[in-house]
Amino acid sequence: MNRNEGAERLGLDMNGLQAACAAVNRAIDAGIMPGAVLGVLHRGETWFYAAGFADPDPKQGEPVTVHKDTLYDCASITKVAVTLPLILQLVDEGRITLSTKAADIVPAFGASGKMAITVGELLTHTSGLAADMNLHSHGWSREQMWDAVLTSPLSSEPGKSVVYSDLGYLTLGRIAEELLQMPLDQAVRQRVFEPLGMLDSTLTPSLEQLGRYAATEYDEEFQGHLCGVVHDEKARALGGVCGHAGLFATAGDLLRYVHMWLLEGAVPAPSGQTDEGAAVAGAAPATRILSPAAARTAIKPHTAAIPGANRGLGWVLKGDRMDASGDWMSERAYGHTGFTGTSLWIDPAYDLAVVLLTNRVYGGRSSSVKELRVQVHNAITGAVRDPN
């Protein structure tokens, strides 16, 4: 893809964008990942760069060049792009509060001394739950897996530390399903994806679009690289529809999602049309995904008393030990990463967001895009020439 295509609309220095592209190319050449898509949103304008291959294996036919329509396994971005908005909507609607006890919604969760754990603690990873659990290798039924998750004991005292927990977001997904009385994939499609125009995003990949999915890790059971099948073992065992992982999305869809956050919960205007233009034309006001209060509260620090932690509701904030924003993004920056090599980062101070989608687990789990994320974020933030 031509890296200059559409760049003039972005209002960023081209040297910075070229530096970000060069960083992506170096990582591909080094074998860190076979390909990547980079999406940038600045002041409502979008720009994409793509390089490499979605699946370089010649046995799969002609290698598929990555482009902005490639669907990537987003891994833990699911936490902030699926589960988080649904829970915040339920707070907006008065169905729950951040102080609501999780066991009041999902009674089984109250086992093993967890009766007092709140929705807010689950969102901020301060619940005391363990980080992970093996669900996939025991031959358990779906019911047995959920029983293991919900009845798992605490690993630490609630509120005293941040332990990044898949179990907490599995539980939040169940809370959303219980209160909305529909599966998570249906709920997020109706309440988030469709209103935002995220038409490709899904928790249930379609075999008809198999050629659009970036391949991830080789799997012995499948006798090949996973493609259109969720990489996370827990999510796969649970059928792919759960609160911590399982989202497949394009860079374009994720830029629609982060744009909503920059607009404090409002649905972005259609491409080429500003909110002001819609108002002049007499169109109905843009609908909202979240209230401004919810969007603002989610990106405020909620773990200030815990050393080394700076967590919002779901989001990783500047200075947290998992912060990947780089050196130049402002103190207001926030974002999230995914194990498969994905990330999205937002900086309201610069009206800027960056989505980086890779399949770095294609060759195994030892490759890292940690440095690449920082290089890309530095280059793009450094390309902002008029921050006011």
Protein backbone atom coordinates (compact mmCIF):
# COMPACT_ATOMS: atom_id res chain seq x y z
CA MET A 1 0.00 0.00 0.00
CA ASN A 2 1.28 3.49 -0.85
CA ARG A 3 2.32 5.02 2.45
CA ASN A 4 1.62 8.54 1.07
CA GLU A 5 -1.99 7.70 0.23
CA GLY A 6 -4.26 10.05 2.13
CA ALA A 7 -1.46 11.29 4.40
CA GLU A 8 -1.92 14.92 3.41
CA ARG A 9 -5.38 14.94 5.00
CA LEU A 10 -4.00 13.79 8.33
CA GLY A 11 -2.19 17.00 9.22
CA LEU A 12 0.91 15.11 10.38
CA ASP A 13 4.50 15.49 9.26
CA MET A 14 5.21 12.93 6.57
CA ASN A 15 8.68 12.20 7.95
CA GLY A 16 7.13 10.90 11.16
CA LEU A 17 4.70 8.67 9.28
CA GLN A 18 7.52 7.32 7.15
CA ALA A 19 9.52 6.59 10.29
CA ALA A 20 6.59 4.59 11.69
CA CYS A 21 6.33 2.64 8.41
CA ALA A 22 10.06 1.97 8.46
CA ALA A 23 9.80 0.58 12.00
CA VAL A 24 7.06 -1.80 10.86
CA ASN A 25 9.14 -2.88 7.87
CA ARG A 26 12.21 -3.53 10.03
CA ALA A 27 10.19 -5.74 12.36
CA ILE A 28 8.85 -7.75 9.42
CA ASP A 29 12.33 -8.09 7.92
CA ALA A 30 13.61 -9.28 11.31
CA GLY A 31 11.00 -12.05 11.34
CA ILE A 32 9.12 -10.67 14.35
CA MET A 33 5.86 -10.98 12.45
CA PRO A 34 4.90 -11.77 8.84
CA GLY A 35 2.84 -8.61 8.36
CA ALA A 36 1.06 -5.70 9.96
CA VAL A 37 -1.54 -3.01 9.46
CA LEU A 38 -1.05 0.42 11.00
CA GLY A 39 -4.01 2.77 11.34
CA VAL A 40 -3.80 6.40 12.46
CA LEU A 41 -6.60 8.77 13.42
CA HIS A 42 -5.82 12.47 13.79
CA ARG A 43 -8.47 15.16 14.11
CA GLY A 44 -11.06 12.81 12.64
CA GLU A 45 -9.02 11.84 9.57
CA THR A 46 -7.75 8.30 9.06
CA TRP A 47 -4.69 6.87 7.34
CA PHE A 48 -3.46 3.30 6.90
CA TYR A 49 -0.21 1.57 6.09
CA ALA A 50 0.14 -2.16 5.46
CA ALA A 51 3.10 -4.43 4.83
CA GLY A 52 3.93 -8.12 4.68
CA PHE A 53 1.49 -10.98 4.58
CA ALA A 54 -1.53 -12.18 6.50
CA ASP A 55 -0.35 -15.76 5.94
CA PRO A 56 3.03 -16.30 4.26
CA ASP A 57 2.60 -20.06 3.98
CA PRO A 58 2.60 -20.95 0.25
CA LYS A 59 0.65 -24.11 1.05
CA GLN A 60 -2.39 -21.90 1.64
CA GLY A 61 -2.30 -20.71 -1.97
CA GLU A 62 -1.14 -17.29 -3.07
CA PRO A 63 0.25 -15.30 -0.13
CA VAL A 64 -2.31 -12.76 0.99
CA THR A 65 -0.96 -9.23 1.15
CA VAL A 66 -2.08 -7.47 4.29
CA HIS A 67 -4.43 -4.56 3.72
CA LYS A 68 -6.81 -2.54 5.82
CA ASP A 69 -9.60 -5.10 5.38
CA THR A 70 -7.63 -7.95 6.95
CA LEU A 71 -9.24 -9.27 10.13
CA TYR A 72 -6.82 -9.78 13.01
CA ASP A 73 -7.25 -11.81 16.19
CA CYS A 74 -7.26 -8.93 18.68
CA ALA A 75 -6.81 -11.06 21.82
CA SER A 76 -7.14 -8.90 24.97
CA ILE A 77 -8.30 -5.83 23.09
CA THR A 78 -11.59 -7.71 23.54
CA LYS A 79 -11.55 -6.53 27.15
CA VAL A 80 -11.79 -2.85 26.23
CA ALA A 81 -13.64 -3.07 22.90
CA VAL A 82 -16.32 -5.60 23.86
CA THR A 83 -16.72 -6.10 27.60
CA LEU A 84 -15.86 -2.61 28.84
CA PRO A 85 -18.41 -0.65 26.77
CA LEU A 86 -21.20 -3.09 27.63
CA ILE A 87 -20.50 -2.80 31.36
CA LEU A 88 -20.27 1.00 31.18
CA GLN A 89 -23.57 1.10 29.29
CA LEU A 90 -25.18 -0.91 32.08
CA VAL A 91 -23.91 1.65 34.58
CA ASP A 92 -25.25 4.46 32.36
CA GLU A 93 -28.63 2.73 32.31
CA GLY A 94 -28.81 2.38 36.09
CA ARG A 95 -28.71 -1.41 35.97
CA ILE A 96 -25.52 -1.66 38.03
CA THR A 97 -22.93 0.59 39.67
CA LEU A 98 -19.19 0.25 40.04
CA SER A 99 -19.90 -0.80 43.65
CA THR A 100 -22.32 -3.56 42.66
CA LYS A 101 -21.14 -6.92 43.97
CA ALA A 102 -20.49 -9.34 41.12
CA ALA A 103 -22.10 -12.16 43.09
CA ASP A 104 -25.37 -10.21 43.19
CA ILE A 105 -25.57 -10.72 39.41
CA VAL A 106 -23.80 -14.09 39.07
CA PRO A 107 -24.39 -15.89 42.41
CA ALA A 108 -21.90 -18.68 41.69
CA PHE A 109 -19.12 -16.09 41.74
CA GLY A 110 -19.62 -15.57 45.47
CA ALA A 111 -17.91 -18.88 46.26
CA SER A 112 -14.44 -19.04 47.83
CA GLY A 113 -14.71 -15.77 49.72
CA LYS A 114 -15.60 -13.55 46.76
CA MET A 115 -18.99 -12.23 47.92
CA ALA A 116 -17.70 -8.67 48.31
CA ILE A 117 -15.84 -8.32 44.97
CA THR A 118 -17.27 -5.41 42.98
CA VAL A 119 -17.73 -4.63 39.30
CA GLY A 120 -15.27 -1.75 39.71
CA GLU A 121 -12.59 -4.05 41.12
CA LEU A 122 -13.04 -6.44 38.21
CA LEU A 123 -12.72 -3.59 35.72
CA THR A 124 -9.49 -2.30 37.28
CA HIS A 125 -7.91 -5.73 37.85
CA THR A 126 -7.83 -5.13 41.61
CA SER A 127 -10.26 -7.92 42.54
CA GLY A 128 -7.59 -10.29 43.88
CA LEU A 129 -8.42 -12.93 41.26
CA ALA A 130 -5.63 -14.97 39.72
CA ALA A 131 -4.35 -13.90 36.32
CA ASP A 132 -5.15 -17.10 34.46
CA MET A 133 -6.45 -20.66 34.63
CA ASN A 134 -6.06 -23.75 32.47
CA LEU A 135 -9.51 -24.54 31.09
CA HIS A 136 -8.66 -26.24 27.84
CA SER A 137 -6.65 -29.36 28.67
CA HIS A 138 -8.95 -31.20 31.10
CA GLY A 139 -11.65 -32.33 28.70
CA TRP A 140 -14.19 -30.31 30.69
CA SER A 141 -17.63 -29.44 29.41
CA ARG A 142 -18.53 -25.78 28.96
CA GLU A 143 -20.45 -25.90 32.24
CA GLN A 144 -17.46 -27.35 34.08
CA MET A 145 -15.19 -24.65 32.67
CA TRP A 146 -17.51 -21.88 33.82
CA ASP A 147 -17.85 -23.50 37.23
CA ALA A 148 -14.05 -23.50 37.55
CA VAL A 149 -13.85 -19.82 36.59
CA LEU A 150 -16.62 -18.60 38.83
CA THR A 151 -15.67 -20.63 41.91
CA SER A 152 -11.93 -19.97 41.66
CA PRO A 153 -10.38 -18.72 44.92
CA LEU A 154 -8.75 -15.35 45.43
CA SER A 155 -5.01 -15.18 44.90
CA SER A 156 -4.51 -11.93 46.84
CA GLU A 157 -6.36 -9.44 49.00
CA PRO A 158 -8.81 -7.34 46.94
CA GLY A 159 -7.89 -3.71 46.37
CA LYS A 160 -4.24 -4.10 47.36
CA SER A 161 -2.59 -4.89 44.03
CA VAL A 162 -3.20 -4.97 40.30
CA VAL A 163 -3.12 -8.48 38.88
CA TYR A 164 -4.05 -8.45 35.22
CA SER A 165 -6.77 -11.08 35.21
CA ASP A 166 -8.51 -12.87 32.37
CA LEU A 167 -10.77 -14.43 35.00
CA GLY A 168 -12.07 -11.02 36.00
CA TYR A 169 -13.10 -10.17 32.45
CA LEU A 170 -14.61 -13.59 31.89
CA THR A 171 -16.79 -12.79 34.90
CA LEU A 172 -17.64 -9.32 33.58
CA GLY A 173 -18.71 -10.89 30.29
CA ARG A 174 -21.07 -13.18 32.20
CA ILE A 175 -22.47 -10.21 34.11
CA ALA A 176 -23.23 -8.45 30.82
CA GLU A 177 -24.92 -11.56 29.43
CA GLU A 178 -27.03 -12.04 32.56
CA LEU A 179 -28.28 -8.46 32.65
CA LEU A 180 -28.79 -8.08 28.90
CA GLN A 181 -30.27 -11.56 28.53
CA MET A 182 -28.36 -12.30 25.34
CA PRO A 183 -24.99 -13.78 24.36
CA LEU A 184 -22.03 -11.41 24.42
CA ASP A 185 -21.52 -11.49 20.65
CA GLN A 186 -25.11 -10.49 20.01
CA ALA A 187 -25.04 -7.80 22.69
CA VAL A 188 -21.88 -6.10 21.43
CA ARG A 189 -23.03 -6.30 17.84
CA GLN A 190 -26.34 -4.57 18.62
CA ARG A 191 -25.09 -2.08 21.17
CA VAL A 192 -21.58 -1.18 19.94
CA PHE A 193 -20.51 -2.55 16.56
CA GLU A 194 -23.61 -1.74 14.49
CA PRO A 195 -24.09 1.80 15.85
CA LEU A 196 -20.41 2.55 15.19
CA GLY A 197 -20.38 1.00 11.73
CA MET A 198 -17.85 -1.68 12.78
CA LEU A 199 -19.30 -3.99 10.19
CA ASP A 200 -16.48 -6.54 10.11
CA SER A 201 -15.86 -6.92 13.84
CA THR A 202 -17.01 -10.22 15.31
CA LEU A 203 -16.61 -12.80 18.05
CA THR A 204 -17.87 -15.50 15.69
CA PRO A 205 -15.66 -15.62 12.57
CA SER A 206 -17.31 -16.66 9.34
CA LEU A 207 -15.88 -19.42 7.17
CA GLU A 208 -17.08 -17.47 4.15
CA GLN A 209 -14.53 -14.76 4.94
CA LEU A 210 -11.70 -17.15 5.77
CA GLY A 211 -9.32 -15.55 3.28
CA ARG A 212 -9.52 -12.25 5.15
CA TYR A 213 -8.14 -13.52 8.48
CA ALA A 214 -4.50 -13.10 9.46
CA ALA A 215 -3.07 -16.45 10.55
CA THR A 216 -1.67 -16.84 14.07
CA GLU A 217 0.22 -19.67 15.77
CA TYR A 218 0.70 -23.20 14.47
CA ASP A 219 -1.58 -25.57 16.37
CA GLU A 220 -1.03 -29.32 16.56
CA GLU A 221 -4.74 -30.08 16.91
CA PHE A 222 -5.53 -28.13 13.73
CA GLN A 223 -2.37 -29.33 11.96
CA GLY A 224 -1.76 -25.84 10.73
CA HIS A 225 -1.72 -22.18 11.65
CA LEU A 226 -4.90 -20.92 13.27
CA CYS A 227 -6.84 -18.76 10.85
CA GLY A 228 -10.26 -17.41 11.78
CA VAL A 229 -9.99 -19.47 14.99
CA VAL A 230 -9.29 -17.65 18.24
CA HIS A 231 -5.72 -18.05 19.48
CA ASP A 232 -6.43 -17.80 23.22
CA GLU A 233 -6.94 -21.33 24.57
CA LYS A 234 -9.55 -20.38 27.16
CA ALA A 235 -11.61 -18.44 24.66
CA ARG A 236 -11.33 -21.27 22.13
CA ALA A 237 -12.45 -23.85 24.67
CA LEU A 238 -15.45 -21.66 25.53
CA GLY A 239 -16.46 -21.27 21.89
CA GLY A 240 -14.86 -17.87 21.31
CA VAL A 241 -17.66 -15.81 22.86
CA CYS A 242 -16.38 -14.51 26.19
CA GLY A 243 -15.24 -11.35 27.91
CA HIS A 244 -11.44 -11.51 27.85
CA ALA A 245 -10.51 -12.52 24.27
CA GLY A 246 -12.05 -13.60 20.98
CA LEU A 247 -12.54 -10.37 19.04
CA PHE A 248 -11.57 -10.31 15.36
CA ALA A 249 -11.48 -6.84 13.79
CA THR A 250 -9.95 -4.69 11.09
CA ALA A 251 -7.82 -1.63 11.69
CA GLY A 252 -10.57 0.49 10.15
CA ASP A 253 -13.18 -0.81 12.58
CA LEU A 254 -10.92 -0.22 15.55
CA LEU A 255 -10.28 3.35 14.43
CA ARG A 256 -14.06 3.86 14.48
CA TYR A 257 -14.05 2.54 18.03
CA VAL A 258 -11.23 4.73 19.30
CA HIS A 259 -12.78 7.75 17.56
CA MET A 260 -15.84 7.21 19.75
CA TRP A 261 -13.59 7.47 22.82
CA LEU A 262 -12.01 10.68 21.55
CA LEU A 263 -15.57 12.02 21.16
CA GLU A 264 -16.33 11.00 24.78
CA GLY A 265 -18.86 8.36 23.84
CA ALA A 266 -20.47 9.88 20.74
CA VAL A 267 -20.82 8.01 17.47
CA PRO A 268 -18.48 9.58 14.89
CA ALA A 269 -20.07 11.26 11.91
CA PRO A 270 -19.93 9.32 8.64
CA SER A 271 -16.71 9.71 6.70
CA GLY A 272 -16.50 13.11 5.04
CA GLN A 273 -19.22 14.66 7.21
CA THR A 274 -18.62 16.60 10.40
CA ASP A 275 -21.03 16.78 13.30
CA GLU A 276 -21.45 20.49 12.58
CA GLY A 277 -22.38 19.74 8.99
CA ALA A 278 -24.99 17.25 10.12
CA ALA A 279 -26.51 19.82 12.44
CA VAL A 280 -26.71 22.44 9.69
CA ALA A 281 -28.42 19.95 7.40
CA GLY A 282 -31.05 19.35 10.06
CA ALA A 283 -30.03 15.75 10.67
CA ALA A 284 -30.71 14.10 14.00
CA PRO A 285 -27.93 14.51 16.56
CA ALA A 286 -25.33 11.77 16.62
CA THR A 287 -26.26 8.88 18.84
CA ARG A 288 -24.05 7.87 21.74
CA ILE A 289 -22.44 4.63 22.80
CA LEU A 290 -21.51 5.98 26.26
CA SER A 291 -22.31 9.05 28.30
CA PRO A 292 -19.56 11.68 28.54
CA ALA A 293 -19.41 10.93 32.27
CA ALA A 294 -18.74 7.24 31.63
CA ALA A 295 -16.08 7.96 29.00
CA ARG A 296 -14.32 10.48 31.25
CA THR A 297 -14.45 8.31 34.36
CA ALA A 298 -13.08 5.27 32.53
CA ILE A 299 -9.84 7.07 31.65
CA LYS A 300 -9.21 8.55 35.09
CA PRO A 301 -6.73 6.84 37.45
CA HIS A 302 -8.44 4.32 39.73
CA THR A 303 -5.36 2.66 41.24
CA ALA A 304 -3.37 5.64 42.52
CA ALA A 305 -2.72 4.00 45.89
CA ILE A 306 -1.05 0.95 44.32
CA PRO A 307 2.68 1.36 43.50
CA GLY A 308 3.56 0.90 39.83
CA ALA A 309 -0.05 0.79 38.72
CA ASN A 310 -2.04 3.38 36.80
CA ARG A 311 -5.28 1.82 35.66
CA GLY A 312 -8.53 3.28 34.50
CA LEU A 313 -11.68 1.25 34.04
CA GLY A 314 -10.31 -1.35 31.65
CA TRP A 315 -7.72 0.99 30.18
CA VAL A 316 -3.96 1.09 30.77
CA LEU A 317 -2.99 4.69 31.61
CA LYS A 318 0.29 6.54 31.17
CA GLY A 319 2.93 5.28 33.59
CA ASP A 320 1.40 1.89 34.31
CA ARG A 321 3.79 -1.05 34.12
CA MET A 322 1.94 -2.19 30.98
CA ASP A 323 2.02 1.25 29.35
CA ALA A 324 3.03 1.00 25.68
CA SER A 325 2.32 4.60 24.71
CA GLY A 326 5.99 5.48 24.18
CA ASP A 327 7.96 8.55 25.15
CA TRP A 328 6.07 11.37 23.42
CA MET A 329 2.39 10.72 24.13
CA SER A 330 0.95 12.97 26.83
CA GLU A 331 0.02 12.15 30.42
CA ARG A 332 -3.58 11.75 29.22
CA ALA A 333 -2.76 8.83 26.91
CA TYR A 334 -4.40 5.44 27.40
CA GLY A 335 -4.74 2.18 25.54
CA HIS A 336 -4.51 -1.61 25.59
CA THR A 337 -2.52 -4.44 24.04
CA GLY A 338 -3.35 -7.93 22.83
CA PHE A 339 -1.17 -11.04 23.21
CA THR A 340 -1.27 -11.84 19.49
CA GLY A 341 0.61 -8.60 18.74
CA THR A 342 -2.19 -6.04 18.58
CA SER A 343 -2.61 -2.69 20.29
CA LEU A 344 -4.57 0.52 20.25
CA TRP A 345 -3.52 3.76 21.91
CA ILE A 346 -5.37 7.05 22.30
CA ASP A 347 -4.11 10.51 23.24
CA PRO A 348 -6.84 13.15 23.69
CA ALA A 349 -4.21 15.89 24.12
CA TYR A 350 -3.26 15.47 20.44
CA ASP A 351 -6.66 14.26 19.18
CA LEU A 352 -4.69 11.21 18.08
CA ALA A 353 -5.13 7.45 18.07
CA VAL A 354 -2.92 4.65 16.74
CA VAL A 355 -3.98 1.08 15.97
CA LEU A 356 -1.25 -1.48 15.27
CA LEU A 357 -2.34 -4.97 14.26
CA THR A 358 0.22 -7.75 13.84
CA ASN A 359 0.21 -11.53 14.05
CA ARG A 360 3.52 -11.77 15.94
CA VAL A 361 2.60 -15.23 17.30
CA TYR A 362 2.71 -16.72 13.79
CA GLY A 363 6.17 -18.15 14.46
CA GLY A 364 5.58 -18.91 18.14
CA ARG A 365 5.30 -16.94 21.34
CA SER A 366 8.87 -15.72 21.72
CA SER A 367 8.64 -12.78 19.29
CA SER A 368 7.90 -9.42 20.86
CA VAL A 369 6.42 -6.21 19.43
CA LYS A 370 6.97 -4.28 22.66
CA GLU A 371 9.74 -2.14 21.17
CA LEU A 372 7.90 -1.77 17.88
CA ARG A 373 4.88 -0.28 19.63
CA VAL A 374 7.03 2.35 21.31
CA GLN A 375 8.86 3.17 18.07
CA VAL A 376 5.61 3.55 16.15
CA HIS A 377 3.93 5.65 18.85
CA ASN A 378 6.98 7.91 19.15
CA ALA A 379 7.21 8.45 15.40
CA ILE A 380 3.52 9.23 14.98
CA THR A 381 3.21 11.46 18.05
CA GLY A 382 6.38 13.26 16.98
CA ALA A 383 4.70 13.93 13.63
CA VAL A 384 2.11 16.18 15.31
CA ARG A 385 3.11 19.69 14.31
CA ASP A 386 0.25 21.75 15.76
CA PRO A 387 -0.78 20.17 19.08
CA ASN A 388 -3.23 22.96 19.99
